[in-house]
Amino acid sequence: MNKRETKMSKCVFCGKNATKTNREGQPVCKDHKDKEPKDVGCPECGMPMKIREGRYGYFWGCEGYPQCDKTYPVEALTDEDED
């Protein structure tokens, strides 16, 4: 698998199946591959959240870990109203 491809995951923007990653390593679909990386703040502590890859795929994880261990599935923070 090359660097720009990803395992089956959901696009961080729309929730469709992701086939690529953007320059920040976030899983994206072909429609959002050139969009600026998504910036998400942790609702618990306010620190930025980053896309991380775990045993079951990609997820949003707080950069404040281990003090803040908040995580979200990628699908939970998609912009569903976007085209």
PDB file of N, CA and C in Angstrom:
ATOM      1  N   MET A   1       0.862  -1.183   0.000  1.00  0.00           N
ATOM      2  CA  MET A   1       0.000   0.000   0.000  1.00  0.00           C
ATOM      3  C   MET A   1       0.900   1.235   0.000  1.00  0.00           C
ATOM      4  N   ASN A   2       0.644   2.160  -0.914  1.00  0.00           N
ATOM      5  CA  ASN A   2       1.509   3.336  -0.934  1.00  0.00           C
ATOM      6  C   ASN A   2       1.080   4.342   0.127  1.00  0.00           C
ATOM      7  N   LYS A   3       1.913   5.348   0.345  1.00  0.00           N
ATOM      8  CA  LYS A   3       1.708   6.315   1.433  1.00  0.00           C
ATOM      9  C   LYS A   3       0.393   7.073   1.345  1.00  0.00           C
ATOM     10  N   ARG A   4      -0.108   7.331   0.128  1.00  0.00           N
ATOM     11  CA  ARG A   4      -1.322   8.126  -0.038  1.00  0.00           C
ATOM     12  C   ARG A   4      -2.598   7.294   0.045  1.00  0.00           C
ATOM     13  N   GLU A   5      -2.492   5.972   0.063  1.00  0.00           N
ATOM     14  CA  GLU A   5      -3.666   5.116   0.188  1.00  0.00           C
ATOM     15  C   GLU A   5      -3.908   4.820   1.657  1.00  0.00           C
ATOM     16  N   THR A   6      -5.092   4.366   1.971  1.00  0.00           N
ATOM     17  CA  THR A   6      -5.411   4.044   3.353  1.00  0.00           C
ATOM     18  C   THR A   6      -6.259   2.782   3.402  1.00  0.00           C
ATOM     19  N   LYS A   7      -6.260   2.130   4.552  1.00  0.00           N
ATOM     20  CA  LYS A   7      -7.168   1.005   4.752  1.00  0.00           C
ATOM     21  C   LYS A   7      -8.591   1.551   4.730  1.00  0.00           C
ATOM     22  N   MET A   8      -9.564   0.662   4.619  1.00  0.00           N
ATOM     23  CA  MET A   8     -10.965   1.112   4.586  1.00  0.00           C
ATOM     24  C   MET A   8     -11.260   1.926   5.845  1.00  0.00           C
ATOM     25  N   SER A   9     -11.688   3.127   5.645  1.00  0.00           N
ATOM     26  CA  SER A   9     -12.033   4.031   6.731  1.00  0.00           C
ATOM     27  C   SER A   9     -13.069   5.008   6.197  1.00  0.00           C
ATOM     28  N   LYS A  10     -13.433   5.977   6.986  1.00  0.00           N
ATOM     29  CA  LYS A  10     -14.426   6.974   6.592  1.00  0.00           C
ATOM     30  C   LYS A  10     -13.751   8.327   6.399  1.00  0.00           C
ATOM     31  N   CYS A  11     -14.200   9.073   5.405  1.00  0.00           N
ATOM     32  CA  CYS A  11     -13.686  10.411   5.119  1.00  0.00           C
ATOM     33  C   CYS A  11     -13.992  11.330   6.307  1.00  0.00           C
ATOM     34  N   VAL A  12     -13.001  12.119   6.729  1.00  0.00           N
ATOM     35  CA  VAL A  12     -13.201  13.020   7.868  1.00  0.00           C
ATOM     36  C   VAL A  12     -14.150  14.167   7.548  1.00  0.00           C
ATOM     37  N   PHE A  13     -14.434  14.396   6.261  1.00  0.00           N
ATOM     38  CA  PHE A  13     -15.320  15.488   5.881  1.00  0.00           C
ATOM     39  C   PHE A  13     -16.766  15.059   5.669  1.00  0.00           C
ATOM     40  N   CYS A  14     -16.974  13.898   5.028  1.00  0.00           N
ATOM     41  CA  CYS A  14     -18.345  13.533   4.658  1.00  0.00           C
ATOM     42  C   CYS A  14     -18.795  12.175   5.184  1.00  0.00           C
ATOM     43  N   GLY A  15     -17.887  11.334   5.656  1.00  0.00           N
ATOM     44  CA  GLY A  15     -18.260  10.030   6.177  1.00  0.00           C
ATOM     45  C   GLY A  15     -18.340   8.937   5.124  1.00  0.00           C
ATOM     46  N   LYS A  16     -18.088   9.272   3.841  1.00  0.00           N
ATOM     47  CA  LYS A  16     -18.046   8.246   2.799  1.00  0.00           C
ATOM     48  C   LYS A  16     -16.775   7.418   2.982  1.00  0.00           C
ATOM     49  N   ASN A  17     -16.692   6.300   2.249  1.00  0.00           N
ATOM     50  CA  ASN A  17     -15.486   5.482   2.323  1.00  0.00           C
ATOM     51  C   ASN A  17     -14.279   6.280   1.844  1.00  0.00           C
ATOM     52  N   ALA A  18     -13.219   6.260   2.630  1.00  0.00           N
ATOM     53  CA  ALA A  18     -11.993   6.967   2.284  1.00  0.00           C
ATOM     54  C   ALA A  18     -11.082   6.042   1.489  1.00  0.00           C
ATOM     55  N   THR A  19     -10.422   6.605   0.501  1.00  0.00           N
ATOM     56  CA  THR A  19      -9.498   5.829  -0.324  1.00  0.00           C
ATOM     57  C   THR A  19      -8.101   6.434  -0.322  1.00  0.00           C
ATOM     58  N   LYS A  20      -7.945   7.621   0.238  1.00  0.00           N
ATOM     59  CA  LYS A  20      -6.665   8.323   0.258  1.00  0.00           C
ATOM     60  C   LYS A  20      -6.481   8.963   1.628  1.00  0.00           C
ATOM     61  N   THR A  21      -5.299   9.542   1.840  1.00  0.00           N
ATOM     62  CA  THR A  21      -5.074  10.375   3.018  1.00  0.00           C
ATOM     63  C   THR A  21      -4.610  11.738   2.529  1.00  0.00           C
ATOM     64  N   ASN A  22      -4.943  12.787   3.283  1.00  0.00           N
ATOM     65  CA  ASN A  22      -4.473  14.120   2.900  1.00  0.00           C
ATOM     66  C   ASN A  22      -3.078  14.344   3.488  1.00  0.00           C
ATOM     67  N   ARG A  23      -2.546  15.537   3.356  1.00  0.00           N
ATOM     68  CA  ARG A  23      -1.152  15.781   3.785  1.00  0.00           C
ATOM     69  C   ARG A  23      -0.946  15.643   5.289  1.00  0.00           C
ATOM     70  N   GLU A  24      -1.998  15.679   6.067  1.00  0.00           N
ATOM     71  CA  GLU A  24      -1.900  15.473   7.514  1.00  0.00           C
ATOM     72  C   GLU A  24      -2.163  14.025   7.913  1.00  0.00           C
ATOM     73  N   GLY A  25      -2.384  13.160   6.927  1.00  0.00           N
ATOM     74  CA  GLY A  25      -2.631  11.759   7.223  1.00  0.00           C
ATOM     75  C   GLY A  25      -4.071  11.440   7.582  1.00  0.00           C
ATOM     76  N   GLN A  26      -4.979  12.388   7.350  1.00  0.00           N
ATOM     77  CA  GLN A  26      -6.390  12.165   7.637  1.00  0.00           C
ATOM     78  C   GLN A  26      -7.024  11.386   6.486  1.00  0.00           C
ATOM     79  N   PRO A  27      -7.849  10.367   6.775  1.00  0.00           N
ATOM     80  CA  PRO A  27      -8.504   9.627   5.701  1.00  0.00           C
ATOM     81  C   PRO A  27      -9.536  10.499   4.995  1.00  0.00           C
ATOM     82  N   VAL A  28      -9.486  10.526   3.659  1.00  0.00           N
ATOM     83  CA  VAL A  28     -10.407  11.329   2.863  1.00  0.00           C
ATOM     84  C   VAL A  28     -10.874  10.547   1.639  1.00  0.00           C
ATOM     85  N   CYS A  29     -12.043  10.935   1.109  1.00  0.00           N
ATOM     86  CA  CYS A  29     -12.543  10.344  -0.132  1.00  0.00           C
ATOM     87  C   CYS A  29     -11.949  11.127  -1.303  1.00  0.00           C
ATOM     88  N   LYS A  30     -12.193  10.652  -2.512  1.00  0.00           N
ATOM     89  CA  LYS A  30     -11.629  11.313  -3.695  1.00  0.00           C
ATOM     90  C   LYS A  30     -12.131  12.743  -3.845  1.00  0.00           C
ATOM     91  N   ASP A  31     -13.341  13.038  -3.365  1.00  0.00           N
ATOM     92  CA  ASP A  31     -13.897  14.388  -3.484  1.00  0.00           C
ATOM     93  C   ASP A  31     -13.223  15.400  -2.564  1.00  0.00           C
ATOM     94  N   HIS A  32     -12.614  14.935  -1.483  1.00  0.00           N
ATOM     95  CA  HIS A  32     -12.018  15.841  -0.491  1.00  0.00           C
ATOM     96  C   HIS A  32     -10.500  15.717  -0.380  1.00  0.00           C
ATOM     97  N   LYS A  33      -9.852  15.025  -1.329  1.00  0.00           N
ATOM     98  CA  LYS A  33      -8.413  14.789  -1.215  1.00  0.00           C
ATOM     99  C   LYS A  33      -7.582  16.061  -1.279  1.00  0.00           C
ATOM    100  N   ASP A  34      -8.083  17.109  -1.920  1.00  0.00           N
ATOM    101  CA  ASP A  34      -7.317  18.356  -2.033  1.00  0.00           C
ATOM    102  C   ASP A  34      -7.777  19.435  -1.057  1.00  0.00           C
ATOM    103  N   LYS A  35      -8.725  19.110  -0.199  1.00  0.00           N
ATOM    104  CA  LYS A  35      -9.234  20.081   0.775  1.00  0.00           C
ATOM    105  C   LYS A  35      -8.221  20.253   1.912  1.00  0.00           C
ATOM    106  N   GLU A  36      -8.193  21.441   2.499  1.00  0.00           N
ATOM    107  CA  GLU A  36      -7.310  21.687   3.646  1.00  0.00           C
ATOM    108  C   GLU A  36      -7.623  20.695   4.758  1.00  0.00           C
ATOM    109  N   PRO A  37      -6.613  20.214   5.489  1.00  0.00           N
ATOM    110  CA  PRO A  37      -6.863  19.253   6.575  1.00  0.00           C
ATOM    111  C   PRO A  37      -7.867  19.791   7.588  1.00  0.00           C
ATOM    112  N   LYS A  38      -8.655  18.903   8.126  1.00  0.00           N
ATOM    113  CA  LYS A  38      -9.682  19.276   9.092  1.00  0.00           C
ATOM    114  C   LYS A  38      -9.038  19.563  10.448  1.00  0.00           C
ATOM    115  N   ASP A  39      -9.495  20.612  11.105  1.00  0.00           N
ATOM    116  CA  ASP A  39      -8.967  21.025  12.401  1.00  0.00           C
ATOM    117  C   ASP A  39     -10.080  20.862  13.433  1.00  0.00           C
ATOM    118  N   VAL A  40      -9.883  19.991  14.399  1.00  0.00           N
ATOM    119  CA  VAL A  40     -10.903  19.714  15.411  1.00  0.00           C
ATOM    120  C   VAL A  40     -10.309  19.952  16.791  1.00  0.00           C
ATOM    121  N   GLY A  41     -11.053  20.657  17.636  1.00  0.00           N
ATOM    122  CA  GLY A  41     -10.640  20.891  19.012  1.00  0.00           C
ATOM    123  C   GLY A  41     -11.352  19.927  19.948  1.00  0.00           C
ATOM    124  N   CYS A  42     -10.672  19.503  20.988  1.00  0.00           N
ATOM    125  CA  CYS A  42     -11.248  18.573  21.962  1.00  0.00           C
ATOM    126  C   CYS A  42     -12.327  19.281  22.780  1.00  0.00           C
ATOM    127  N   PRO A  43     -13.524  18.714  22.835  1.00  0.00           N
ATOM    128  CA  PRO A  43     -14.579  19.339  23.627  1.00  0.00           C
ATOM    129  C   PRO A  43     -14.324  19.274  25.129  1.00  0.00           C
ATOM    130  N   GLU A  44     -13.464  18.379  25.583  1.00  0.00           N
ATOM    131  CA  GLU A  44     -13.154  18.253  27.016  1.00  0.00           C
ATOM    132  C   GLU A  44     -12.152  19.306  27.480  1.00  0.00           C
ATOM    133  N   CYS A  45     -11.005  19.421  26.767  1.00  0.00           N
ATOM    134  CA  CYS A  45      -9.917  20.276  27.255  1.00  0.00           C
ATOM    135  C   CYS A  45      -9.550  21.408  26.303  1.00  0.00           C
ATOM    136  N   GLY A  46     -10.060  21.383  25.065  1.00  0.00           N
ATOM    137  CA  GLY A  46      -9.781  22.446  24.104  1.00  0.00           C
ATOM    138  C   GLY A  46      -8.523  22.256  23.278  1.00  0.00           C
ATOM    139  N   MET A  47      -7.716  21.243  23.589  1.00  0.00           N
ATOM    140  CA  MET A  47      -6.514  20.990  22.791  1.00  0.00           C
ATOM    141  C   MET A  47      -6.902  20.433  21.427  1.00  0.00           C
ATOM    142  N   PRO A  48      -6.012  20.543  20.455  1.00  0.00           N
ATOM    143  CA  PRO A  48      -6.319  19.992  19.126  1.00  0.00           C
ATOM    144  C   PRO A  48      -6.452  18.471  19.169  1.00  0.00           C
ATOM    145  N   MET A  49      -7.267  17.951  18.274  1.00  0.00           N
ATOM    146  CA  MET A  49      -7.386  16.502  18.128  1.00  0.00           C
ATOM    147  C   MET A  49      -6.709  16.108  16.831  1.00  0.00           C
ATOM    148  N   LYS A  50      -6.082  14.942  16.829  1.00  0.00           N
ATOM    149  CA  LYS A  50      -5.371  14.424  15.665  1.00  0.00           C
ATOM    150  C   LYS A  50      -5.969  13.098  15.260  1.00  0.00           C
ATOM    151  N   ILE A  51      -5.862  12.790  13.967  1.00  0.00           N
ATOM    152  CA  ILE A  51      -6.263  11.477  13.483  1.00  0.00           C
ATOM    153  C   ILE A  51      -5.194  10.479  13.896  1.00  0.00           C
ATOM    154  N   ARG A  52      -5.629   9.400  14.492  1.00  0.00           N
ATOM    155  CA  ARG A  52      -4.721   8.328  14.896  1.00  0.00           C
ATOM    156  C   ARG A  52      -5.248   7.023  14.324  1.00  0.00           C
ATOM    157  N   GLU A  53      -4.346   6.065  14.151  1.00  0.00           N
ATOM    158  CA  GLU A  53      -4.753   4.760  13.636  1.00  0.00           C
ATOM    159  C   GLU A  53      -4.611   3.732  14.742  1.00  0.00           C
ATOM    160  N   GLY A  54      -5.707   3.035  15.010  1.00  0.00           N
ATOM    161  CA  GLY A  54      -5.709   2.000  16.033  1.00  0.00           C
ATOM    162  C   GLY A  54      -6.029   0.640  15.448  1.00  0.00           C
ATOM    163  N   ARG A  55      -6.231  -0.305  16.308  1.00  0.00           N
ATOM    164  CA  ARG A  55      -6.523  -1.676  15.902  1.00  0.00           C
ATOM    165  C   ARG A  55      -7.744  -1.769  15.002  1.00  0.00           C
ATOM    166  N   TYR A  56      -8.739  -0.919  15.233  1.00  0.00           N
ATOM    167  CA  TYR A  56      -9.995  -0.993  14.488  1.00  0.00           C
ATOM    168  C   TYR A  56     -10.148   0.116  13.461  1.00  0.00           C
ATOM    169  N   GLY A  57      -9.082   0.764  13.077  1.00  0.00           N
ATOM    170  CA  GLY A  57      -9.142   1.814  12.069  1.00  0.00           C
ATOM    171  C   GLY A  57      -8.760   3.173  12.641  1.00  0.00           C
ATOM    172  N   TYR A  58      -9.156   4.218  11.940  1.00  0.00           N
ATOM    173  CA  TYR A  58      -8.791   5.578  12.318  1.00  0.00           C
ATOM    174  C   TYR A  58      -9.796   6.165  13.314  1.00  0.00           C
ATOM    175  N   PHE A  59      -9.300   7.087  14.155  1.00  0.00           N
ATOM    176  CA  PHE A  59     -10.151   7.781  15.126  1.00  0.00           C
ATOM    177  C   PHE A  59      -9.526   9.127  15.453  1.00  0.00           C
ATOM    178  N   TRP A  60     -10.342  10.029  16.000  1.00  0.00           N
ATOM    179  CA  TRP A  60      -9.834  11.315  16.502  1.00  0.00           C
ATOM    180  C   TRP A  60      -9.389  11.105  17.940  1.00  0.00           C
ATOM    181  N   GLY A  61      -8.161  11.504  18.260  1.00  0.00           N
ATOM    182  CA  GLY A  61      -7.644  11.393  19.620  1.00  0.00           C
ATOM    183  C   GLY A  61      -7.082  12.725  20.076  1.00  0.00           C
ATOM    184  N   CYS A  62      -7.296  13.058  21.322  1.00  0.00           N
ATOM    185  CA  CYS A  62      -6.836  14.331  21.872  1.00  0.00           C
ATOM    186  C   CYS A  62      -5.313  14.342  21.982  1.00  0.00           C
ATOM    187  N   GLU A  63      -4.696  15.464  21.612  1.00  0.00           N
ATOM    188  CA  GLU A  63      -3.244  15.610  21.743  1.00  0.00           C
ATOM    189  C   GLU A  63      -2.831  15.760  23.197  1.00  0.00           C
ATOM    190  N   GLY A  64      -3.778  15.977  24.092  1.00  0.00           N
ATOM    191  CA  GLY A  64      -3.479  16.098  25.515  1.00  0.00           C
ATOM    192  C   GLY A  64      -3.316  14.760  26.220  1.00  0.00           C
ATOM    193  N   TYR A  65      -3.364  13.668  25.473  1.00  0.00           N
ATOM    194  CA  TYR A  65      -3.196  12.332  26.053  1.00  0.00           C
ATOM    195  C   TYR A  65      -1.828  12.230  26.708  1.00  0.00           C
ATOM    196  N   PRO A  66      -1.669  11.715  27.880  1.00  0.00           N
ATOM    197  CA  PRO A  66      -2.586  10.912  28.669  1.00  0.00           C
ATOM    198  C   PRO A  66      -3.446  11.708  29.658  1.00  0.00           C
ATOM    199  N   GLN A  67      -3.216  13.017  29.806  1.00  0.00           N
ATOM    200  CA  GLN A  67      -4.046  13.789  30.730  1.00  0.00           C
ATOM    201  C   GLN A  67      -5.500  13.811  30.281  1.00  0.00           C
ATOM    202  N   CYS A  68      -5.729  13.915  28.981  1.00  0.00           N
ATOM    203  CA  CYS A  68      -7.081  13.866  28.429  1.00  0.00           C
ATOM    204  C   CYS A  68      -7.121  12.704  27.445  1.00  0.00           C
ATOM    205  N   ASP A  69      -7.980  11.735  27.707  1.00  0.00           N
ATOM    206  CA  ASP A  69      -8.006  10.546  26.851  1.00  0.00           C
ATOM    207  C   ASP A  69      -9.264  10.481  25.985  1.00  0.00           C
ATOM    208  N   LYS A  70      -9.814  11.648  25.653  1.00  0.00           N
ATOM    209  CA  LYS A  70     -11.025  11.712  24.833  1.00  0.00           C
ATOM    210  C   LYS A  70     -10.739  11.244  23.409  1.00  0.00           C
ATOM    211  N   THR A  71     -11.582  10.376  22.878  1.00  0.00           N
ATOM    212  CA  THR A  71     -11.477   9.920  21.496  1.00  0.00           C
ATOM    213  C   THR A  71     -12.863   9.915  20.866  1.00  0.00           C
ATOM    214  N   TYR A  72     -12.897  10.016  19.540  1.00  0.00           N
ATOM    215  CA  TYR A  72     -14.147   9.945  18.791  1.00  0.00           C
ATOM    216  C   TYR A  72     -13.912   9.144  17.525  1.00  0.00           C
ATOM    217  N   PRO A  73     -14.918   8.374  17.102  1.00  0.00           N
ATOM    218  CA  PRO A  73     -14.802   7.749  15.780  1.00  0.00           C
ATOM    219  C   PRO A  73     -14.784   8.848  14.716  1.00  0.00           C
ATOM    220  N   VAL A  74     -14.107   8.608  13.618  1.00  0.00           N
ATOM    221  CA  VAL A  74     -14.038   9.598  12.542  1.00  0.00           C
ATOM    222  C   VAL A  74     -15.437  10.037  12.126  1.00  0.00           C
ATOM    223  N   GLU A  75     -16.371   9.079  12.041  1.00  0.00           N
ATOM    224  CA  GLU A  75     -17.730   9.380  11.587  1.00  0.00           C
ATOM    225  C   GLU A  75     -18.446  10.380  12.492  1.00  0.00           C
ATOM    226  N   ALA A  76     -18.074  10.431  13.766  1.00  0.00           N
ATOM    227  CA  ALA A  76     -18.769  11.297  14.720  1.00  0.00           C
ATOM    228  C   ALA A  76     -18.505  12.776  14.470  1.00  0.00           C
ATOM    229  N   LEU A  77     -17.417  13.109  13.794  1.00  0.00           N
ATOM    230  CA  LEU A  77     -17.050  14.512  13.610  1.00  0.00           C
ATOM    231  C   LEU A  77     -16.964  14.905  12.139  1.00  0.00           C
ATOM    232  N   THR A  78     -17.835  14.319  11.307  1.00  0.00           N
ATOM    233  CA  THR A  78     -17.860  14.686   9.895  1.00  0.00           C
ATOM    234  C   THR A  78     -18.775  15.865   9.666  1.00  0.00           C
ATOM    235  N   ASP A  79     -18.529  16.589   8.572  1.00  0.00           N
ATOM    236  CA  ASP A  79     -19.360  17.740   8.185  1.00  0.00           C
ATOM    237  C   ASP A  79     -20.425  17.243   7.233  1.00  0.00           C
ATOM    238  N   GLU A  80     -21.468  16.625   7.739  1.00  0.00           N
ATOM    239  CA  GLU A  80     -22.478  15.978   6.901  1.00  0.00           C
ATOM    240  C   GLU A  80     -23.247  16.945   6.020  1.00  0.00           C
ATOM    241  N   ASP A  81     -23.292  18.228   6.380  1.00  0.00           N
ATOM    242  CA  ASP A  81     -24.054  19.194   5.599  1.00  0.00           C
ATOM    243  C   ASP A  81     -23.258  19.745   4.419  1.00  0.00           C
ATOM    244  N   GLU A  82     -21.973  19.371   4.308  1.00  0.00           N
ATOM    245  CA  GLU A  82     -21.114  19.842   3.216  1.00  0.00           C
ATOM    246  C   GLU A  82     -21.343  19.024   1.967  1.00  0.00           C
ATOM    247  N   ASP A  83     -21.056  19.590   0.834  1.00  0.00           N
ATOM    248  CA  ASP A  83     -21.129  18.863  -0.431  1.00  0.00           C
ATOM    249  C   ASP A  83     -19.752  18.540  -0.915  1.00  0.00           C
TER     250      ASP A  83
END
